[in-house]
All heavy atoms as atom14 arrays in JSON, in Angstrom:
{
  "sequence": "RDIDMAFAKERNVTLINIDGLQKIAKENEKEREALVREGEGLIEEDLE",
  "atom14_mask": [
    [1, 1, 1, 1, 1, 1, 1, 1, 1, 1, 1, 0, 0, 0],
    [1, 1, 1, 1, 1, 1, 1, 1, 0, 0, 0, 0, 0, 0],
    [1, 1, 1, 1, 1, 1, 1, 1, 0, 0, 0, 0, 0, 0],
    [1, 1, 1, 1, 1, 1, 1, 1, 0, 0, 0, 0, 0, 0],
    [1, 1, 1, 1, 1, 1, 1, 1, 0, 0, 0, 0, 0, 0],
    [1, 1, 1, 1, 1, 0, 0, 0, 0, 0, 0, 0, 0, 0],
    [1, 1, 1, 1, 1, 1, 1, 1, 1, 1, 1, 0, 0, 0],
    [1, 1, 1, 1, 1, 0, 0, 0, 0, 0, 0, 0, 0, 0],
    [1, 1, 1, 1, 1, 1, 1, 1, 1, 0, 0, 0, 0, 0],
    [1, 1, 1, 1, 1, 1, 1, 1, 1, 0, 0, 0, 0, 0],
    [1, 1, 1, 1, 1, 1, 1, 1, 1, 1, 1, 0, 0, 0],
    [1, 1, 1, 1, 1, 1, 1, 1, 0, 0, 0, 0, 0, 0],
    [1, 1, 1, 1, 1, 1, 1, 0, 0, 0, 0, 0, 0, 0],
    [1, 1, 1, 1, 1, 1, 1, 0, 0, 0, 0, 0, 0, 0],
    [1, 1, 1, 1, 1, 1, 1, 1, 0, 0, 0, 0, 0, 0],
    [1, 1, 1, 1, 1, 1, 1, 1, 0, 0, 0, 0, 0, 0],
    [1, 1, 1, 1, 1, 1, 1, 1, 0, 0, 0, 0, 0, 0],
    [1, 1, 1, 1, 1, 1, 1, 1, 0, 0, 0, 0, 0, 0],
    [1, 1, 1, 1, 1, 1, 1, 1, 0, 0, 0, 0, 0, 0],
    [1, 1, 1, 1, 0, 0, 0, 0, 0, 0, 0, 0, 0, 0],
    [1, 1, 1, 1, 1, 1, 1, 1, 0, 0, 0, 0, 0, 0],
    [1, 1, 1, 1, 1, 1, 1, 1, 1, 0, 0, 0, 0, 0],
    [1, 1, 1, 1, 1, 1, 1, 1, 1, 0, 0, 0, 0, 0],
    [1, 1, 1, 1, 1, 1, 1, 1, 0, 0, 0, 0, 0, 0],
    [1, 1, 1, 1, 1, 0, 0, 0, 0, 0, 0, 0, 0, 0],
    [1, 1, 1, 1, 1, 1, 1, 1, 1, 0, 0, 0, 0, 0],
    [1, 1, 1, 1, 1, 1, 1, 1, 1, 0, 0, 0, 0, 0],
    [1, 1, 1, 1, 1, 1, 1, 1, 0, 0, 0, 0, 0, 0],
    [1, 1, 1, 1, 1, 1, 1, 1, 1, 0, 0, 0, 0, 0],
    [1, 1, 1, 1, 1, 1, 1, 1, 1, 0, 0, 0, 0, 0],
    [1, 1, 1, 1, 1, 1, 1, 1, 1, 0, 0, 0, 0, 0],
    [1, 1, 1, 1, 1, 1, 1, 1, 1, 1, 1, 0, 0, 0],
    [1, 1, 1, 1, 1, 1, 1, 1, 1, 0, 0, 0, 0, 0],
    [1, 1, 1, 1, 1, 0, 0, 0, 0, 0, 0, 0, 0, 0],
    [1, 1, 1, 1, 1, 1, 1, 1, 0, 0, 0, 0, 0, 0],
    [1, 1, 1, 1, 1, 1, 1, 0, 0, 0, 0, 0, 0, 0],
    [1, 1, 1, 1, 1, 1, 1, 1, 1, 1, 1, 0, 0, 0],
    [1, 1, 1, 1, 1, 1, 1, 1, 1, 0, 0, 0, 0, 0],
    [1, 1, 1, 1, 0, 0, 0, 0, 0, 0, 0, 0, 0, 0],
    [1, 1, 1, 1, 1, 1, 1, 1, 1, 0, 0, 0, 0, 0],
    [1, 1, 1, 1, 0, 0, 0, 0, 0, 0, 0, 0, 0, 0],
    [1, 1, 1, 1, 1, 1, 1, 1, 0, 0, 0, 0, 0, 0],
    [1, 1, 1, 1, 1, 1, 1, 1, 0, 0, 0, 0, 0, 0],
    [1, 1, 1, 1, 1, 1, 1, 1, 1, 0, 0, 0, 0, 0],
    [1, 1, 1, 1, 1, 1, 1, 1, 1, 0, 0, 0, 0, 0],
    [1, 1, 1, 1, 1, 1, 1, 1, 0, 0, 0, 0, 0, 0],
    [1, 1, 1, 1, 1, 1, 1, 1, 0, 0, 0, 0, 0, 0],
    [1, 1, 1, 1, 1, 1, 1, 1, 1, 0, 0, 0, 0, 0]
  ],
  "atom14_positions": [
    [[5.76, -2.63, 3.63], [4.68, -2.09, 4.41], [4.33, -3.06, 5.62], [4.41, -4.28, 5.6], [3.38, -2.02, 3.62], [3.44, -1.0, 2.41], [2.1, -0.94, 1.76], [2.19, 0.01, 0.64], [2.23, -0.34, -0.65], [2.15, -1.6, -0.92], [2.31, 0.52, -1.6], [0.0, 0.0, 0.0], [0.0, 0.0, 0.0], [0.0, 0.0, 0.0]],
    [[3.92, -2.37, 6.67], [3.41, -3.02, 7.97], [1.94, -3.24, 7.93], [1.33, -4.09, 8.54], [3.82, -2.22, 9.16], [5.13, -2.55, 9.63], [5.8, -3.49, 9.16], [5.7, -1.85, 10.51], [0.0, 0.0, 0.0], [0.0, 0.0, 0.0], [0.0, 0.0, 0.0], [0.0, 0.0, 0.0], [0.0, 0.0, 0.0], [0.0, 0.0, 0.0]],
    [[1.27, -2.26, 7.33], [-0.22, -2.12, 7.45], [-0.9, -2.49, 6.07], [-0.51, -2.03, 5.06], [-0.68, -0.73, 7.89], [0.01, -0.45, 9.24], [-2.16, -0.56, 7.89], [-0.28, 0.96, 9.68], [0.0, 0.0, 0.0], [0.0, 0.0, 0.0], [0.0, 0.0, 0.0], [0.0, 0.0, 0.0], [0.0, 0.0, 0.0], [0.0, 0.0, 0.0]],
    [[-1.84, -3.39, 6.21], [-2.61, -3.84, 5.04], [-3.27, -2.77, 4.26], [-3.95, -1.91, 4.87], [-3.68, -4.81, 5.66], [-4.25, -5.75, 4.46], [-4.24, -5.29, 3.31], [-4.7, -6.91, 4.78], [0.0, 0.0, 0.0], [0.0, 0.0, 0.0], [0.0, 0.0, 0.0], [0.0, 0.0, 0.0], [0.0, 0.0, 0.0], [0.0, 0.0, 0.0]],
    [[-3.06, -2.73, 2.96], [-3.49, -1.69, 2.09], [-5.04, -1.75, 2.0], [-5.71, -0.77, 1.64], [-2.94, -1.71, 0.72], [-1.52, -1.25, 0.6], [-1.41, 0.64, 0.93], [-2.33, 1.2, -0.53], [0.0, 0.0, 0.0], [0.0, 0.0, 0.0], [0.0, 0.0, 0.0], [0.0, 0.0, 0.0], [0.0, 0.0, 0.0], [0.0, 0.0, 0.0]],
    [[-5.63, -2.86, 2.32], [-7.1, -3.05, 2.3], [-7.79, -2.06, 3.27], [-8.9, -1.75, 3.07], [-7.43, -4.51, 2.72], [0.0, 0.0, 0.0], [0.0, 0.0, 0.0], [0.0, 0.0, 0.0], [0.0, 0.0, 0.0], [0.0, 0.0, 0.0], [0.0, 0.0, 0.0], [0.0, 0.0, 0.0], [0.0, 0.0, 0.0], [0.0, 0.0, 0.0]],
    [[-7.09, -1.61, 4.24], [-7.66, -0.58, 5.24], [-8.0, 0.74, 4.45], [-8.89, 1.55, 4.83], [-6.77, -0.24, 6.4], [-6.73, -1.3, 7.43], [-5.63, -2.16, 7.61], [-7.77, -1.48, 8.31], [-5.62, -3.07, 8.65], [-7.8, -2.41, 9.32], [-6.7, -3.27, 9.47], [0.0, 0.0, 0.0], [0.0, 0.0, 0.0], [0.0, 0.0, 0.0]],
    [[-7.35, 1.03, 3.41], [-7.6, 2.21, 2.66], [-9.02, 2.33, 2.01], [-9.5, 3.34, 1.82], [-6.54, 2.4, 1.55], [0.0, 0.0, 0.0], [0.0, 0.0, 0.0], [0.0, 0.0, 0.0], [0.0, 0.0, 0.0], [0.0, 0.0, 0.0], [0.0, 0.0, 0.0], [0.0, 0.0, 0.0], [0.0, 0.0, 0.0], [0.0, 0.0, 0.0]],
    [[-9.63, 1.14, 2.01], [-10.99, 1.15, 1.42], [-12.1, 1.33, 2.46], [-13.25, 1.62, 2.11], [-11.25, -0.17, 0.79], [-10.32, -0.51, -0.41], [-10.51, -1.96, -0.97], [-9.58, -2.21, -2.09], [-9.78, -3.64, -2.61], [0.0, 0.0, 0.0], [0.0, 0.0, 0.0], [0.0, 0.0, 0.0], [0.0, 0.0, 0.0], [0.0, 0.0, 0.0]],
    [[-11.66, 1.39, 3.78], [-12.58, 1.66, 4.87], [-12.95, 3.15, 4.9], [-12.14, 3.9, 4.9], [-12.09, 1.2, 6.14], [-11.66, -0.29, 6.29], [-12.99, -1.17, 6.31], [-13.89, -0.71, 6.95], [-12.93, -2.19, 5.8], [0.0, 0.0, 0.0], [0.0, 0.0, 0.0], [0.0, 0.0, 0.0], [0.0, 0.0, 0.0], [0.0, 0.0, 0.0]],
    [[-14.26, 3.4, 5.12], [-14.74, 4.76, 5.07], [-14.2, 5.69, 6.31], [-14.03, 6.83, 6.2], [-16.25, 4.87, 5.02], [-16.83, 4.52, 3.71], [-18.31, 4.77, 3.65], [-18.92, 3.77, 4.52], [-20.29, 3.79, 4.75], [-21.07, 4.72, 4.14], [-20.84, 2.83, 5.5], [0.0, 0.0, 0.0], [0.0, 0.0, 0.0], [0.0, 0.0, 0.0]],
    [[-14.1, 4.94, 7.44], [-13.64, 5.61, 8.61], [-12.2, 5.44, 8.94], [-11.68, 5.75, 10.05], [-14.49, 5.2, 9.88], [-14.28, 3.78, 10.13], [-13.75, 2.96, 9.29], [-14.75, 3.35, 11.37], [0.0, 0.0, 0.0], [0.0, 0.0, 0.0], [0.0, 0.0, 0.0], [0.0, 0.0, 0.0], [0.0, 0.0, 0.0], [0.0, 0.0, 0.0]],
    [[-11.41, 5.11, 7.88], [-9.92, 4.9, 8.06], [-9.24, 5.81, 7.09], [-9.52, 5.88, 5.91], [-9.59, 3.45, 7.87], [-7.97, 3.32, 7.82], [-10.14, 2.58, 8.97], [0.0, 0.0, 0.0], [0.0, 0.0, 0.0], [0.0, 0.0, 0.0], [0.0, 0.0, 0.0], [0.0, 0.0, 0.0], [0.0, 0.0, 0.0], [0.0, 0.0, 0.0]],
    [[-8.12, 6.45, 7.64], [-7.18, 7.21, 6.82], [-5.87, 6.5, 6.89], [-5.36, 6.19, 8.01], [-6.99, 8.69, 7.34], [-8.33, 9.3, 7.28], [-5.94, 9.4, 6.42], [0.0, 0.0, 0.0], [0.0, 0.0, 0.0], [0.0, 0.0, 0.0], [0.0, 0.0, 0.0], [0.0, 0.0, 0.0], [0.0, 0.0, 0.0], [0.0, 0.0, 0.0]],
    [[-5.28, 6.14, 5.71], [-4.05, 5.31, 5.71], [-2.99, 6.18, 5.0], [-3.09, 6.57, 3.82], [-4.25, 4.03, 4.87], [-2.96, 3.17, 4.71], [-2.29, 2.82, 6.07], [-3.32, 1.85, 4.01], [0.0, 0.0, 0.0], [0.0, 0.0, 0.0], [0.0, 0.0, 0.0], [0.0, 0.0, 0.0], [0.0, 0.0, 0.0], [0.0, 0.0, 0.0]],
    [[-1.97, 6.52, 5.8], [-0.82, 7.23, 5.16], [0.42, 6.3, 5.15], [0.77, 5.7, 6.22], [-0.46, 8.39, 6.13], [-1.7, 9.28, 6.26], [0.72, 9.21, 5.57], [-1.51, 10.32, 7.41], [0.0, 0.0, 0.0], [0.0, 0.0, 0.0], [0.0, 0.0, 0.0], [0.0, 0.0, 0.0], [0.0, 0.0, 0.0], [0.0, 0.0, 0.0]],
    [[0.97, 6.03, 3.99], [2.08, 5.11, 3.96], [3.37, 5.86, 3.37], [3.31, 6.92, 2.93], [1.8, 3.9, 3.16], [1.46, 4.14, 1.77], [2.04, 5.06, 1.03], [0.43, 3.47, 1.14], [0.0, 0.0, 0.0], [0.0, 0.0, 0.0], [0.0, 0.0, 0.0], [0.0, 0.0, 0.0], [0.0, 0.0, 0.0], [0.0, 0.0, 0.0]],
    [[4.53, 5.07, 3.43], [5.78, 5.68, 3.15], [5.98, 6.08, 1.72], [6.76, 7.02, 1.37], [6.9, 4.67, 3.51], [8.24, 5.41, 3.74], [7.01, 3.5, 2.58], [9.23, 4.58, 4.53], [0.0, 0.0, 0.0], [0.0, 0.0, 0.0], [0.0, 0.0, 0.0], [0.0, 0.0, 0.0], [0.0, 0.0, 0.0], [0.0, 0.0, 0.0]],
    [[5.23, 5.49, 0.73], [5.34, 5.93, -0.66], [5.05, 7.41, -0.86], [5.81, 8.14, -1.43], [4.48, 4.95, -1.47], [4.94, 3.6, -1.66], [6.06, 3.4, -1.39], [4.14, 2.71, -2.02], [0.0, 0.0, 0.0], [0.0, 0.0, 0.0], [0.0, 0.0, 0.0], [0.0, 0.0, 0.0], [0.0, 0.0, 0.0], [0.0, 0.0, 0.0]],
    [[3.93, 7.8, -0.27], [3.48, 9.17, -0.4], [4.39, 10.12, 0.36], [4.69, 11.29, -0.08], [0.0, 0.0, 0.0], [0.0, 0.0, 0.0], [0.0, 0.0, 0.0], [0.0, 0.0, 0.0], [0.0, 0.0, 0.0], [0.0, 0.0, 0.0], [0.0, 0.0, 0.0], [0.0, 0.0, 0.0], [0.0, 0.0, 0.0], [0.0, 0.0, 0.0]],
    [[4.9, 9.63, 1.46], [5.77, 10.4, 2.42], [7.14, 10.71, 1.66], [7.71, 11.77, 1.68], [6.08, 9.77, 3.69], [4.74, 9.55, 4.54], [5.21, 8.77, 5.82], [4.06, 10.8, 4.85], [0.0, 0.0, 0.0], [0.0, 0.0, 0.0], [0.0, 0.0, 0.0], [0.0, 0.0, 0.0], [0.0, 0.0, 0.0], [0.0, 0.0, 0.0]],
    [[7.67, 9.66, 1.02], [8.92, 9.73, 0.22], [8.82, 10.81, -0.9], [9.72, 11.51, -1.12], [9.35, 8.4, -0.21], [9.94, 7.59, 0.94], [10.3, 6.12, 0.45], [9.81, 5.64, -0.51], [11.19, 5.52, 1.3], [0.0, 0.0, 0.0], [0.0, 0.0, 0.0], [0.0, 0.0, 0.0], [0.0, 0.0, 0.0], [0.0, 0.0, 0.0]],
    [[7.66, 10.75, -1.45], [7.43, 11.62, -2.62], [7.42, 13.09, -2.11], [8.06, 14.0, -2.73], [6.04, 11.36, -3.28], [5.75, 12.25, -4.46], [4.42, 11.89, -5.06], [4.09, 12.9, -6.24], [2.78, 12.57, -6.8], [0.0, 0.0, 0.0], [0.0, 0.0, 0.0], [0.0, 0.0, 0.0], [0.0, 0.0, 0.0], [0.0, 0.0, 0.0]],
    [[6.76, 13.33, -1.02], [6.77, 14.7, -0.36], [8.23, 15.07, 0.04], [8.63, 16.22, -0.23], [5.84, 14.72, 0.83], [4.39, 14.56, 0.49], [5.92, 16.07, 1.55], [3.42, 14.35, 1.53], [0.0, 0.0, 0.0], [0.0, 0.0, 0.0], [0.0, 0.0, 0.0], [0.0, 0.0, 0.0], [0.0, 0.0, 0.0], [0.0, 0.0, 0.0]],
    [[8.9, 14.19, 0.59], [10.28, 14.42, 1.04], [11.22, 14.85, -0.16], [12.01, 15.78, -0.09], [10.94, 13.23, 1.73], [0.0, 0.0, 0.0], [0.0, 0.0, 0.0], [0.0, 0.0, 0.0], [0.0, 0.0, 0.0], [0.0, 0.0, 0.0], [0.0, 0.0, 0.0], [0.0, 0.0, 0.0], [0.0, 0.0, 0.0], [0.0, 0.0, 0.0]],
    [[11.06, 14.21, -1.3], [11.78, 14.45, -2.52], [11.42, 15.84, -3.01], [12.29, 16.6, -3.45], [11.63, 13.43, -3.53], [12.3, 12.07, -3.27], [12.0, 11.09, -4.39], [12.76, 9.79, -4.05], [12.48, 8.77, -5.0], [0.0, 0.0, 0.0], [0.0, 0.0, 0.0], [0.0, 0.0, 0.0], [0.0, 0.0, 0.0], [0.0, 0.0, 0.0]],
    [[10.1, 16.13, -3.02], [9.65, 17.5, -3.47], [10.24, 18.52, -2.55], [10.66, 19.63, -2.98], [8.19, 17.56, -3.46], [7.5, 16.65, -4.6], [5.99, 16.56, -4.41], [5.45, 17.11, -3.44], [5.35, 16.01, -5.28], [0.0, 0.0, 0.0], [0.0, 0.0, 0.0], [0.0, 0.0, 0.0], [0.0, 0.0, 0.0], [0.0, 0.0, 0.0]],
    [[10.22, 18.37, -1.17], [10.75, 19.29, -0.28], [12.24, 19.47, -0.49], [12.75, 20.61, -0.39], [10.47, 18.75, 1.16], [9.04, 19.03, 1.55], [8.29, 19.58, 0.89], [8.71, 18.46, 2.74], [0.0, 0.0, 0.0], [0.0, 0.0, 0.0], [0.0, 0.0, 0.0], [0.0, 0.0, 0.0], [0.0, 0.0, 0.0], [0.0, 0.0, 0.0]],
    [[12.92, 18.43, -0.77], [14.35, 18.49, -1.02], [14.66, 19.33, -2.19], [15.65, 20.19, -2.23], [15.02, 17.17, -1.2], [16.5, 17.12, -1.23], [17.12, 15.7, -1.19], [16.39, 14.73, -1.49], [18.34, 15.64, -1.03], [0.0, 0.0, 0.0], [0.0, 0.0, 0.0], [0.0, 0.0, 0.0], [0.0, 0.0, 0.0], [0.0, 0.0, 0.0]],
    [[13.87, 19.22, -3.29], [14.09, 20.05, -4.5], [13.74, 21.56, -4.16], [14.48, 22.39, -4.61], [13.16, 19.59, -5.58], [13.59, 18.24, -6.28], [12.61, 17.92, -7.35], [12.94, 16.52, -7.93], [11.96, 16.1, -8.98], [0.0, 0.0, 0.0], [0.0, 0.0, 0.0], [0.0, 0.0, 0.0], [0.0, 0.0, 0.0], [0.0, 0.0, 0.0]],
    [[12.69, 21.73, -3.27], [12.38, 23.12, -2.88], [13.51, 23.69, -2.05], [13.89, 24.88, -2.22], [11.14, 23.15, -2.15], [9.85, 23.0, -3.07], [8.57, 23.13, -2.2], [8.46, 24.21, -1.58], [7.74, 22.31, -2.25], [0.0, 0.0, 0.0], [0.0, 0.0, 0.0], [0.0, 0.0, 0.0], [0.0, 0.0, 0.0], [0.0, 0.0, 0.0]],
    [[14.08, 22.91, -1.16], [15.2, 23.39, -0.33], [16.42, 23.77, -1.23], [17.01, 24.76, -0.96], [15.59, 22.26, 0.68], [14.84, 22.21, 1.95], [15.53, 21.55, 3.03], [14.71, 21.42, 4.17], [15.19, 21.16, 5.41], [16.54, 21.03, 5.57], [14.42, 21.03, 6.47], [0.0, 0.0, 0.0], [0.0, 0.0, 0.0], [0.0, 0.0, 0.0]],
    [[16.68, 22.88, -2.22], [17.8, 23.22, -3.09], [17.63, 24.49, -3.81], [18.57, 25.31, -4.02], [18.02, 22.05, -4.06], [18.57, 20.77, -3.4], [18.56, 19.47, -4.31], [18.02, 19.65, -5.39], [19.06, 18.46, -3.91], [0.0, 0.0, 0.0], [0.0, 0.0, 0.0], [0.0, 0.0, 0.0], [0.0, 0.0, 0.0], [0.0, 0.0, 0.0]],
    [[16.34, 24.75, -4.28], [16.03, 26.11, -4.95], [16.21, 27.2, -3.96], [16.83, 28.2, -4.36], [14.69, 26.01, -5.52], [0.0, 0.0, 0.0], [0.0, 0.0, 0.0], [0.0, 0.0, 0.0], [0.0, 0.0, 0.0], [0.0, 0.0, 0.0], [0.0, 0.0, 0.0], [0.0, 0.0, 0.0], [0.0, 0.0, 0.0], [0.0, 0.0, 0.0]],
    [[15.75, 26.99, -2.77], [15.92, 28.09, -1.74], [17.39, 28.26, -1.36], [17.83, 29.39, -1.12], [15.03, 27.7, -0.51], [13.59, 27.81, -0.67], [12.94, 27.18, 0.58], [13.13, 29.16, -0.99], [0.0, 0.0, 0.0], [0.0, 0.0, 0.0], [0.0, 0.0, 0.0], [0.0, 0.0, 0.0], [0.0, 0.0, 0.0], [0.0, 0.0, 0.0]],
    [[18.15, 27.24, -1.32], [19.66, 27.3, -1.07], [20.25, 28.22, -2.08], [21.13, 29.04, -1.75], [20.31, 25.95, -0.97], [21.84, 26.05, -1.13], [19.92, 25.19, 0.35], [0.0, 0.0, 0.0], [0.0, 0.0, 0.0], [0.0, 0.0, 0.0], [0.0, 0.0, 0.0], [0.0, 0.0, 0.0], [0.0, 0.0, 0.0], [0.0, 0.0, 0.0]],
    [[19.87, 28.07, -3.37], [20.49, 28.91, -4.44], [20.12, 30.4, -4.15], [20.99, 31.2, -4.37], [19.96, 28.42, -5.75], [20.56, 27.13, -6.22], [20.35, 26.85, -7.66], [18.95, 26.52, -7.95], [18.55, 25.22, -7.83], [19.29, 24.28, -7.49], [17.16, 25.02, -8.11], [0.0, 0.0, 0.0], [0.0, 0.0, 0.0], [0.0, 0.0, 0.0]],
    [[18.92, 30.66, -3.74], [18.58, 32.01, -3.34], [19.43, 32.51, -2.11], [19.86, 33.63, -2.1], [17.07, 32.15, -2.95], [16.13, 31.96, -4.13], [14.69, 32.27, -3.66], [14.46, 33.3, -3.08], [13.85, 31.47, -4.05], [0.0, 0.0, 0.0], [0.0, 0.0, 0.0], [0.0, 0.0, 0.0], [0.0, 0.0, 0.0], [0.0, 0.0, 0.0]],
    [[19.58, 31.55, -1.2], [20.41, 31.89, -0.07], [21.85, 32.26, -0.36], [22.47, 33.23, 0.17], [0.0, 0.0, 0.0], [0.0, 0.0, 0.0], [0.0, 0.0, 0.0], [0.0, 0.0, 0.0], [0.0, 0.0, 0.0], [0.0, 0.0, 0.0], [0.0, 0.0, 0.0], [0.0, 0.0, 0.0], [0.0, 0.0, 0.0], [0.0, 0.0, 0.0]],
    [[22.4, 31.52, -1.38], [23.77, 31.84, -1.83], [23.86, 33.22, -2.45], [24.83, 33.9, -2.3], [24.25, 30.79, -2.77], [24.51, 29.47, -2.1], [24.79, 28.31, -2.99], [24.46, 28.44, -4.23], [25.32, 27.24, -2.61], [0.0, 0.0, 0.0], [0.0, 0.0, 0.0], [0.0, 0.0, 0.0], [0.0, 0.0, 0.0], [0.0, 0.0, 0.0]],
    [[22.71, 33.65, -3.12], [22.72, 35.01, -3.64], [22.78, 36.06, -2.52], [23.44, 37.04, -2.56], [0.0, 0.0, 0.0], [0.0, 0.0, 0.0], [0.0, 0.0, 0.0], [0.0, 0.0, 0.0], [0.0, 0.0, 0.0], [0.0, 0.0, 0.0], [0.0, 0.0, 0.0], [0.0, 0.0, 0.0], [0.0, 0.0, 0.0], [0.0, 0.0, 0.0]],
    [[21.97, 35.83, -1.43], [21.91, 36.69, -0.35], [23.37, 36.8, 0.4], [23.8, 37.88, 0.78], [20.91, 36.24, 0.69], [19.4, 36.38, 0.19], [18.5, 35.82, 1.21], [19.02, 37.84, 0.01], [0.0, 0.0, 0.0], [0.0, 0.0, 0.0], [0.0, 0.0, 0.0], [0.0, 0.0, 0.0], [0.0, 0.0, 0.0], [0.0, 0.0, 0.0]],
    [[24.02, 35.6, 0.36], [25.29, 35.57, 1.02], [26.3, 36.42, 0.29], [27.12, 37.17, 0.78], [25.83, 34.11, 1.19], [25.1, 33.45, 2.34], [27.27, 34.06, 1.33], [25.39, 31.94, 2.44], [0.0, 0.0, 0.0], [0.0, 0.0, 0.0], [0.0, 0.0, 0.0], [0.0, 0.0, 0.0], [0.0, 0.0, 0.0], [0.0, 0.0, 0.0]],
    [[26.22, 36.31, -1.1], [27.17, 36.99, -1.9], [27.05, 38.45, -1.7], [28.07, 39.26, -1.61], [26.89, 36.69, -3.41], [27.94, 37.19, -4.36], [29.38, 36.63, -4.04], [29.46, 35.53, -3.68], [30.26, 37.45, -4.32], [0.0, 0.0, 0.0], [0.0, 0.0, 0.0], [0.0, 0.0, 0.0], [0.0, 0.0, 0.0], [0.0, 0.0, 0.0]],
    [[25.81, 39.0, -1.57], [25.64, 40.43, -1.3], [26.29, 40.87, 0.01], [26.98, 41.86, 0.09], [24.09, 40.77, -1.28], [23.37, 40.59, -2.58], [21.92, 40.72, -2.46], [21.45, 41.17, -1.33], [21.15, 40.26, -3.34], [0.0, 0.0, 0.0], [0.0, 0.0, 0.0], [0.0, 0.0, 0.0], [0.0, 0.0, 0.0], [0.0, 0.0, 0.0]],
    [[25.91, 40.18, 1.08], [26.48, 40.5, 2.47], [27.91, 40.28, 2.52], [28.65, 41.06, 3.2], [25.72, 39.68, 3.47], [24.35, 40.15, 3.73], [23.88, 41.02, 3.0], [23.66, 39.6, 4.59], [0.0, 0.0, 0.0], [0.0, 0.0, 0.0], [0.0, 0.0, 0.0], [0.0, 0.0, 0.0], [0.0, 0.0, 0.0], [0.0, 0.0, 0.0]],
    [[28.46, 39.23, 1.83], [29.85, 38.91, 1.89], [30.72, 40.07, 1.22], [31.82, 40.37, 1.83], [30.14, 37.59, 1.13], [31.56, 37.09, 1.2], [32.02, 36.85, 2.56], [31.8, 35.86, 0.35], [0.0, 0.0, 0.0], [0.0, 0.0, 0.0], [0.0, 0.0, 0.0], [0.0, 0.0, 0.0], [0.0, 0.0, 0.0], [0.0, 0.0, 0.0]],
    [[30.21, 40.66, 0.21], [30.92, 41.75, -0.44], [31.08, 42.89, 0.51], [32.19, 43.58, 0.55], [30.16, 42.29, -1.67], [30.29, 41.27, -2.86], [31.7, 41.13, -3.39], [32.46, 42.11, -3.29], [32.04, 39.96, -3.69], [0.0, 0.0, 0.0], [0.0, 0.0, 0.0], [0.0, 0.0, 0.0], [0.0, 0.0, 0.0], [0.0, 0.0, 0.0]]
  ]
}
């Protein structure tokens, strides 16, 4: 981290750090993978 976590306790400060962002990125990757499987189903229909 670059930014002191103590700022998170300040009422007028919002602190977004990489831990939370990486968690969202992993969730998005899982969602993409699920959507890719759906996409492969659509491809199979059109490919036929």
